[in-house]
Each structure stands twice: as structure tokens, then as C-alpha cells.
Amino acid sequence: MKTITIVLLVLVLCGTCMSAPARGGDDGPGISGAREFKDLVVMWRVWKNGDQLAVTGGIRAVGSQPIRNLELRTRHLSVTGEELGRATFAFFPTVVQPGSFLHQGLSLPVPPGKKPARLEFVYAYYHEDDEAEVLPTFEGFEVDLTDVK
């Protein structure tokens, strides 16, 4: 009987901890999505966390050859196009094999009194066999932040 009581107590506690819809400090559920490019599939989530935008997600390398020096460059802009801030996230390892999944995460401070309207994502990388003089490959898109709570 004592064992059953302990097991039930553990199950109740696990259920209580797992049912939280958002982490402490989140101001809302945010928005998420995915984009597919020739060499990458990008999954992302953006939400407001106090006076910052939090960006998480990851990439999956789907091309036929390894890529290297992968970076995520972001800018968040006001409705008038004013740049409110930018950040860069460098992925590790520096050489990403086809089929690999890498996580990303960064915080973007929002200046007091400003409201971000859109977020630019730009992924820059080289193919493993690119020469030193070759410009990186750029893949990018914008996210409308109107629905970010």
C-alpha cells in the first residue's frame, strides 16, 4: 500500500509540473513557424519576455553537402522601419553535416517605449568546398510580430 501511495504521489507531481503552458517570465505564447530552403529547414519561435524578444528554434541541414560557418543574423524593426536592435547567433559545430539538427536561441532587447513590428531572419553560410573568395550563401525571411503577445 505504501508503494502505491508513493507512485501515485509521484504521478500527480509529474502531471502538475508538465501542465504549465509557458515558462515563468513569458508574456505570452508567441508565434512560431518553419521555412524550407535549398540547404536548410528552419524552425523558429518568437515571444515577448519582459522587455525582450526571445527567439528559439533550430535548423536542419538538408542539402547534399556539408555547410560551414553558419550564422543567424536578426534585426527587429518598428512599423516605420526603424531598426530597434540586432543580434547574431553563431552555430556550433562550425561544419554542419547533412541531416544534422542544431538549436538556436537569442534574446533581442526592445528599447523602452518602442514596439517591434517585424523581425528579419538571415542565415549566412558557406558550402564546405567553397573557395576563400566566395561570398556566403544567404537565406532569409521576415516575420510579422503583430500577433506576438
Foldseek 3Di string as FASTA:
>chain_A
DVVVVVVVVVVVVVVVVPPDPDDPQFPDQFDWDWDDDQFKIWTWGWADRPQKIKIKTKIAGAHPAKKFFKKKKKWFAAPVRHTQFIDMDTWPPRIHGHGDITMDIDITGGPPPTDTFKMKIKIWIGTPPDDPPDGTDIDIDMDGRPPHD
